[in-house]
Protein backbone atom coordinates (compact mmCIF):
# COMPACT_ATOMS: atom_id res chain seq x y z
CA MET A 1 -2.25 -8.36 2.76
CA VAL A 2 -4.36 -5.83 4.60
CA THR A 3 -7.84 -6.92 5.63
CA GLN A 4 -10.94 -4.77 5.46
CA GLU A 5 -11.05 -4.74 9.27
CA GLN A 6 -7.57 -3.23 9.38
CA ILE A 7 -8.52 -0.57 6.83
CA ASN A 8 -11.61 0.25 8.88
CA ARG A 9 -9.46 0.57 12.00
CA ILE A 10 -7.03 2.89 10.16
CA ASN A 11 -10.00 5.09 9.22
CA GLU A 12 -11.42 5.03 12.75
CA LEU A 13 -8.08 6.14 14.21
CA ALA A 14 -7.74 8.90 11.60
CA LYS A 15 -11.20 10.26 12.44
CA LYS A 16 -10.54 10.07 16.16
CA SER A 17 -7.17 11.79 15.70
CA LYS A 18 -8.84 14.73 13.96
CA ALA A 19 -11.73 14.93 16.41
CA GLU A 20 -10.16 14.47 19.84
CA GLY A 21 -6.62 13.18 19.53
CA LEU A 22 -5.07 9.78 20.15
CA THR A 23 -3.40 8.20 23.15
CA ALA A 24 0.23 7.11 22.82
CA GLU A 25 -0.91 3.50 22.46
CA GLU A 26 -3.37 4.40 19.69
CA GLN A 27 -0.68 6.41 17.87
CA GLN A 28 1.60 3.38 17.87
CA GLU A 29 -1.23 1.19 16.57
CA GLN A 30 -1.97 3.75 13.84
CA GLN A 31 1.67 3.86 12.74
CA LYS A 32 1.86 0.06 12.69
CA LEU A 33 -1.33 -0.24 10.62
CA ARG A 34 -0.25 2.49 8.20
CA ARG A 35 3.14 0.80 7.68
CA LEU A 36 1.39 -2.53 7.05
CA TYR A 37 -0.91 -0.86 4.50
CA ILE A 38 1.96 0.88 2.69
CA ASP A 39 4.08 -2.28 2.57
CA SER A 40 1.13 -4.28 1.24
CA PHE A 41 0.44 -1.64 -1.42
CA LYS A 42 4.09 -1.60 -2.55
CA GLU A 43 4.23 -5.40 -2.68
CA SER A 44 1.10 -5.51 -4.82
CA LEU A 45 2.41 -2.83 -7.18
CA VAL A 46 5.79 -4.54 -7.62
CA SER A 47 4.06 -7.85 -8.31
CA GLN A 48 1.85 -6.23 -10.93
CA LEU A 49 4.78 -4.50 -12.61
CA GLU A 50 6.81 -7.72 -12.69
CA ASN A 51 4.05 -9.23 -14.80
CA THR A 52 3.76 -6.29 -17.20
CA TYR A 53 4.70 -6.64 -20.85
CA TYR A 54 4.61 -4.21 -23.73
CA ILE A 55 4.75 -4.47 -27.51
CA ASP A 56 7.78 -2.74 -29.03
CA SER A 57 7.82 -0.97 -32.39
CA THR A 58 8.68 -4.22 -34.20
CA GLY A 59 5.68 -6.00 -32.71
CA HIS A 60 7.60 -8.15 -30.24
CA LYS A 61 6.33 -8.70 -26.72
CA LYS A 62 8.88 -7.51 -24.14
CA LYS A 63 8.94 -7.60 -20.38
CA ALA A 64 8.98 -4.21 -18.69
CA THR A 65 12.24 -3.61 -16.83
CA ARG A 66 13.03 -1.45 -13.85
CA LYS A 67 14.81 1.84 -14.54
CA LYS A 68 18.00 2.45 -12.60
């Protein structure tokens, strides 16, 4: 899970990147934090979808399945 501090740091690095550019070390940190954020987002979405149900036309509750 991504903390608020990490989100704030992502935003700080994005602003600095636009304003004056980042050092190589800061670019690596930004990539690491962005990857952490994306992975956390995906994990949360998958978890939510795994617990999603719908009511079919006959009125039965069915678990949503993943399309292939």
